[in-house]
Amino acid sequence: MLIDTTFILAKLLEELEGVQITDPNYYCNVSVEQLTHILRSDTAMPAPMIKERVSNLHEVGKILVNKYKGSFVNCLEKANNSAQKLLELVITDFPCYRDEADYQGHK
């Protein structure tokens, strides 16, 4: 249900403001100011970690455009209906999704 709601909100944003937030060609170049506006709330509190979010969108967008012809669907197809292969592709091809840290010389 969350995915459906997120998609609906993204399409609503696109319709109301012309923001193509689901298009990697858009978000691989989105600015801090643009994303701050997109993620705005009714309060003066800005979205947390906005610079990191922009960096991640740039990284993911560029990889999708350059390696997957601008669509995550192509990544899904490359995984060939294998959740394990999809996970491997995501952590290999999209560094910002690697949940790792160095601790005393070990990952």
N, C-alpha and C. Protein backbone atom coordinates (compact mmCIF):
# COMPACT_ATOMS: atom_id res chain seq x y z
N MET A 1 0.81 -1.19 0.00
CA MET A 1 0.00 0.00 0.00
C MET A 1 0.86 1.26 0.00
N LEU A 2 1.98 1.24 0.71
CA LEU A 2 2.85 2.40 0.75
C LEU A 2 3.37 2.74 -0.64
N ILE A 3 3.72 1.74 -1.43
CA ILE A 3 4.22 1.98 -2.77
C ILE A 3 3.14 2.64 -3.62
N ASP A 4 1.91 2.17 -3.52
CA ASP A 4 0.82 2.77 -4.28
C ASP A 4 0.63 4.22 -3.88
N THR A 5 0.65 4.51 -2.59
CA THR A 5 0.48 5.87 -2.09
C THR A 5 1.62 6.76 -2.55
N THR A 6 2.83 6.27 -2.49
CA THR A 6 3.98 7.04 -2.93
C THR A 6 3.88 7.36 -4.41
N PHE A 7 3.49 6.39 -5.21
CA PHE A 7 3.34 6.60 -6.64
C PHE A 7 2.25 7.63 -6.92
N ILE A 8 1.14 7.52 -6.24
CA ILE A 8 0.04 8.47 -6.43
C ILE A 8 0.49 9.88 -6.07
N LEU A 9 1.20 10.03 -4.96
CA LEU A 9 1.68 11.35 -4.57
C LEU A 9 2.68 11.91 -5.57
N ALA A 10 3.55 11.06 -6.11
CA ALA A 10 4.51 11.50 -7.11
C ALA A 10 3.79 11.96 -8.37
N LYS A 11 2.78 11.23 -8.79
CA LYS A 11 2.03 11.62 -9.98
C LYS A 11 1.22 12.89 -9.74
N LEU A 12 0.70 13.06 -8.53
CA LEU A 12 -0.02 14.28 -8.18
C LEU A 12 0.92 15.48 -8.23
N LEU A 13 2.12 15.33 -7.70
CA LEU A 13 3.12 16.39 -7.75
C LEU A 13 3.46 16.73 -9.19
N GLU A 14 3.59 15.71 -10.01
CA GLU A 14 3.88 15.92 -11.43
C GLU A 14 2.75 16.70 -12.10
N GLU A 15 1.53 16.33 -11.81
CA GLU A 15 0.37 16.97 -12.42
C GLU A 15 0.22 18.42 -11.95
N LEU A 16 0.37 18.65 -10.66
CA LEU A 16 0.14 19.98 -10.11
C LEU A 16 1.29 20.95 -10.37
N GLU A 17 2.52 20.46 -10.32
CA GLU A 17 3.67 21.37 -10.41
C GLU A 17 4.61 21.07 -11.57
N GLY A 18 4.32 20.06 -12.36
CA GLY A 18 5.16 19.73 -13.49
C GLY A 18 6.50 19.10 -13.12
N VAL A 19 6.61 18.59 -11.91
CA VAL A 19 7.86 17.98 -11.44
C VAL A 19 7.87 16.51 -11.82
N GLN A 20 8.86 16.11 -12.58
CA GLN A 20 8.98 14.72 -13.06
C GLN A 20 9.81 13.89 -12.08
N ILE A 21 9.38 13.81 -10.84
CA ILE A 21 10.18 13.19 -9.78
C ILE A 21 10.42 11.70 -10.01
N THR A 22 9.61 11.06 -10.84
CA THR A 22 9.82 9.63 -11.12
C THR A 22 10.74 9.40 -12.33
N ASP A 23 11.24 10.46 -12.93
CA ASP A 23 12.10 10.36 -14.11
C ASP A 23 13.57 10.54 -13.71
N PRO A 24 14.39 9.50 -13.89
CA PRO A 24 15.81 9.62 -13.53
C PRO A 24 16.52 10.77 -14.24
N ASN A 25 16.07 11.12 -15.44
CA ASN A 25 16.67 12.25 -16.15
C ASN A 25 16.43 13.56 -15.40
N TYR A 26 15.33 13.63 -14.65
CA TYR A 26 15.05 14.81 -13.83
C TYR A 26 15.87 14.75 -12.54
N TYR A 27 15.72 13.65 -11.79
CA TYR A 27 16.31 13.68 -10.46
C TYR A 27 17.82 13.46 -10.44
N CYS A 28 18.42 13.08 -11.56
CA CYS A 28 19.89 13.00 -11.56
C CYS A 28 20.50 14.40 -11.59
N ASN A 29 19.68 15.42 -11.82
CA ASN A 29 20.15 16.80 -11.84
C ASN A 29 19.39 17.71 -10.88
N VAL A 30 18.54 17.15 -10.03
CA VAL A 30 17.73 17.98 -9.13
C VAL A 30 18.65 18.77 -8.19
N SER A 31 18.28 20.01 -7.92
CA SER A 31 19.08 20.84 -7.02
C SER A 31 18.59 20.70 -5.58
N VAL A 32 19.41 21.15 -4.65
CA VAL A 32 19.01 21.16 -3.24
C VAL A 32 17.75 21.99 -3.09
N GLU A 33 17.70 23.13 -3.76
CA GLU A 33 16.53 24.02 -3.66
C GLU A 33 15.28 23.33 -4.20
N GLN A 34 15.41 22.65 -5.33
CA GLN A 34 14.25 21.97 -5.91
C GLN A 34 13.75 20.86 -4.98
N LEU A 35 14.66 20.04 -4.46
CA LEU A 35 14.23 18.95 -3.59
C LEU A 35 13.68 19.49 -2.27
N THR A 36 14.25 20.57 -1.77
CA THR A 36 13.71 21.20 -0.56
C THR A 36 12.27 21.62 -0.81
N HIS A 37 12.00 22.18 -1.97
CA HIS A 37 10.63 22.58 -2.32
C HIS A 37 9.72 21.36 -2.44
N ILE A 38 10.18 20.33 -3.10
CA ILE A 38 9.37 19.12 -3.29
C ILE A 38 9.03 18.47 -1.95
N LEU A 39 9.98 18.44 -1.03
CA LEU A 39 9.79 17.77 0.26
C LEU A 39 9.31 18.72 1.36
N ARG A 40 8.85 19.88 0.97
CA ARG A 40 8.40 20.87 1.96
C ARG A 40 7.22 20.34 2.77
N SER A 41 7.04 20.95 3.93
CA SER A 41 5.90 20.58 4.78
C SER A 41 5.12 21.84 5.13
N ASP A 42 4.11 21.68 5.94
CA ASP A 42 3.31 22.82 6.38
C ASP A 42 4.02 23.63 7.45
N THR A 43 5.11 23.11 7.98
CA THR A 43 5.87 23.82 9.00
C THR A 43 7.13 24.40 8.37
N ALA A 44 7.87 25.15 9.13
CA ALA A 44 9.12 25.72 8.64
C ALA A 44 10.27 24.72 8.72
N MET A 45 10.01 23.55 9.27
CA MET A 45 11.05 22.53 9.45
C MET A 45 11.42 21.92 8.09
N PRO A 46 12.68 22.06 7.68
CA PRO A 46 13.09 21.47 6.40
C PRO A 46 13.24 19.95 6.51
N ALA A 47 13.19 19.28 5.39
CA ALA A 47 13.40 17.83 5.37
C ALA A 47 14.81 17.53 5.86
N PRO A 48 14.98 16.50 6.67
CA PRO A 48 16.31 16.17 7.17
C PRO A 48 17.22 15.61 6.08
N MET A 49 18.50 15.82 6.24
CA MET A 49 19.54 15.24 5.38
C MET A 49 19.31 15.56 3.90
N ILE A 50 18.91 16.78 3.59
CA ILE A 50 18.55 17.14 2.22
C ILE A 50 19.74 17.00 1.26
N LYS A 51 20.93 17.40 1.69
CA LYS A 51 22.10 17.29 0.80
C LYS A 51 22.42 15.83 0.48
N GLU A 52 22.28 14.96 1.48
CA GLU A 52 22.52 13.54 1.26
C GLU A 52 21.46 12.95 0.33
N ARG A 53 20.23 13.39 0.48
CA ARG A 53 19.15 12.91 -0.39
C ARG A 53 19.40 13.33 -1.84
N VAL A 54 19.83 14.57 -2.02
CA VAL A 54 20.15 15.05 -3.37
C VAL A 54 21.30 14.24 -3.96
N SER A 55 22.32 14.01 -3.17
CA SER A 55 23.47 13.22 -3.63
C SER A 55 23.03 11.81 -4.05
N ASN A 56 22.18 11.19 -3.25
CA ASN A 56 21.69 9.85 -3.58
C ASN A 56 20.84 9.86 -4.85
N LEU A 57 19.98 10.86 -5.00
CA LEU A 57 19.17 10.96 -6.22
C LEU A 57 20.06 11.14 -7.44
N HIS A 58 21.09 11.97 -7.33
CA HIS A 58 22.01 12.16 -8.45
C HIS A 58 22.68 10.84 -8.82
N GLU A 59 23.18 10.14 -7.81
CA GLU A 59 23.87 8.87 -8.05
C GLU A 59 22.94 7.85 -8.71
N VAL A 60 21.78 7.63 -8.12
CA VAL A 60 20.84 6.64 -8.64
C VAL A 60 20.36 7.04 -10.04
N GLY A 61 20.03 8.32 -10.21
CA GLY A 61 19.55 8.78 -11.51
C GLY A 61 20.58 8.57 -12.61
N LYS A 62 21.83 8.93 -12.33
CA LYS A 62 22.88 8.77 -13.35
C LYS A 62 23.11 7.31 -13.69
N ILE A 63 23.07 6.45 -12.69
CA ILE A 63 23.26 5.01 -12.95
C ILE A 63 22.10 4.48 -13.78
N LEU A 64 20.87 4.86 -13.43
CA LEU A 64 19.72 4.39 -14.20
C LEU A 64 19.79 4.88 -15.64
N VAL A 65 20.15 6.14 -15.84
CA VAL A 65 20.23 6.70 -17.19
C VAL A 65 21.35 6.03 -17.98
N ASN A 66 22.52 5.89 -17.38
CA ASN A 66 23.68 5.38 -18.12
C ASN A 66 23.74 3.87 -18.25
N LYS A 67 23.25 3.14 -17.26
CA LYS A 67 23.40 1.68 -17.28
C LYS A 67 22.09 0.94 -17.58
N TYR A 68 20.96 1.56 -17.24
CA TYR A 68 19.68 0.87 -17.37
C TYR A 68 18.69 1.61 -18.27
N LYS A 69 19.22 2.39 -19.19
CA LYS A 69 18.40 3.10 -20.19
C LYS A 69 17.29 3.92 -19.55
N GLY A 70 17.57 4.48 -18.38
CA GLY A 70 16.64 5.40 -17.74
C GLY A 70 15.45 4.79 -17.05
N SER A 71 15.50 3.48 -16.78
CA SER A 71 14.34 2.83 -16.16
C SER A 71 14.77 1.72 -15.21
N PHE A 72 14.21 1.74 -14.00
CA PHE A 72 14.49 0.67 -13.04
C PHE A 72 13.87 -0.64 -13.51
N VAL A 73 12.89 -0.56 -14.39
CA VAL A 73 12.30 -1.77 -14.97
C VAL A 73 13.39 -2.62 -15.63
N ASN A 74 14.34 -1.98 -16.27
CA ASN A 74 15.43 -2.71 -16.91
C ASN A 74 16.31 -3.42 -15.88
N CYS A 75 16.45 -2.82 -14.72
CA CYS A 75 17.18 -3.48 -13.62
C CYS A 75 16.40 -4.71 -13.15
N LEU A 76 15.09 -4.56 -13.03
CA LEU A 76 14.25 -5.70 -12.64
C LEU A 76 14.35 -6.83 -13.66
N GLU A 77 14.32 -6.47 -14.93
CA GLU A 77 14.42 -7.49 -15.98
C GLU A 77 15.78 -8.19 -15.94
N LYS A 78 16.83 -7.43 -15.67
CA LYS A 78 18.17 -8.02 -15.58
C LYS A 78 18.25 -9.02 -14.42
N ALA A 79 17.47 -8.80 -13.38
CA ALA A 79 17.45 -9.71 -12.23
C ALA A 79 16.73 -11.01 -12.56
N ASN A 80 15.98 -11.04 -13.65
CA ASN A 80 15.35 -12.27 -14.14
C ASN A 80 14.49 -12.96 -13.07
N ASN A 81 13.61 -12.18 -12.44
CA ASN A 81 12.66 -12.71 -11.44
C ASN A 81 13.34 -13.31 -10.20
N SER A 82 14.55 -12.90 -9.93
CA SER A 82 15.27 -13.40 -8.75
C SER A 82 15.47 -12.26 -7.76
N ALA A 83 14.89 -12.40 -6.58
CA ALA A 83 15.06 -11.38 -5.54
C ALA A 83 16.53 -11.28 -5.13
N GLN A 84 17.20 -12.42 -5.07
CA GLN A 84 18.61 -12.42 -4.69
C GLN A 84 19.45 -11.68 -5.72
N LYS A 85 19.19 -11.93 -6.99
CA LYS A 85 19.93 -11.25 -8.06
C LYS A 85 19.63 -9.75 -8.04
N LEU A 86 18.38 -9.38 -7.77
CA LEU A 86 18.02 -7.97 -7.69
C LEU A 86 18.78 -7.29 -6.56
N LEU A 87 18.83 -7.94 -5.41
CA LEU A 87 19.58 -7.39 -4.28
C LEU A 87 21.05 -7.22 -4.65
N GLU A 88 21.62 -8.20 -5.31
CA GLU A 88 23.02 -8.12 -5.74
C GLU A 88 23.23 -6.94 -6.70
N LEU A 89 22.30 -6.77 -7.64
CA LEU A 89 22.40 -5.65 -8.58
C LEU A 89 22.32 -4.32 -7.85
N VAL A 90 21.40 -4.21 -6.92
CA VAL A 90 21.21 -2.94 -6.20
C VAL A 90 22.46 -2.60 -5.39
N ILE A 91 22.98 -3.55 -4.64
CA ILE A 91 24.14 -3.20 -3.81
C ILE A 91 25.43 -3.09 -4.62
N THR A 92 25.48 -3.72 -5.78
CA THR A 92 26.66 -3.60 -6.64
C THR A 92 26.62 -2.32 -7.46
N ASP A 93 25.48 -2.04 -8.08
CA ASP A 93 25.38 -0.93 -9.02
C ASP A 93 25.00 0.40 -8.38
N PHE A 94 24.39 0.38 -7.21
CA PHE A 94 23.92 1.60 -6.56
C PHE A 94 24.59 1.75 -5.18
N PRO A 95 25.79 2.32 -5.14
CA PRO A 95 26.56 2.38 -3.90
C PRO A 95 25.82 3.00 -2.71
N CYS A 96 24.93 3.95 -2.96
CA CYS A 96 24.25 4.60 -1.83
C CYS A 96 23.31 3.64 -1.09
N TYR A 97 23.03 2.47 -1.66
CA TYR A 97 22.18 1.49 -0.98
C TYR A 97 22.99 0.44 -0.22
N ARG A 98 24.30 0.55 -0.26
CA ARG A 98 25.13 -0.38 0.50
C ARG A 98 25.11 0.06 1.96
N ASP A 99 24.59 -0.76 2.80
CA ASP A 99 24.52 -0.45 4.23
C ASP A 99 25.74 -1.06 4.90
N GLU A 100 26.85 -0.33 4.81
CA GLU A 100 28.09 -0.86 5.35
C GLU A 100 28.89 0.28 5.98
N ALA A 101 29.79 -0.10 6.84
CA ALA A 101 30.68 0.87 7.48
C ALA A 101 32.00 0.18 7.77
N ASP A 102 33.04 0.97 7.90
CA ASP A 102 34.34 0.44 8.30
C ASP A 102 34.44 0.52 9.82
N TYR A 103 34.85 -0.58 10.42
CA TYR A 103 35.05 -0.62 11.86
C TYR A 103 36.32 -1.40 12.13
N GLN A 104 37.30 -0.72 12.63
CA GLN A 104 38.60 -1.32 12.94
C GLN A 104 39.15 -2.12 11.76
N GLY A 105 39.06 -1.52 10.58
CA GLY A 105 39.61 -2.13 9.39
C GLY A 105 38.75 -3.19 8.73
N HIS A 106 37.55 -3.40 9.24
CA HIS A 106 36.64 -4.40 8.67
C HIS A 106 35.35 -3.73 8.21
N LYS A 107 34.75 -4.33 7.18
CA LYS A 107 33.44 -3.84 6.71
C LYS A 107 32.35 -4.66 7.32
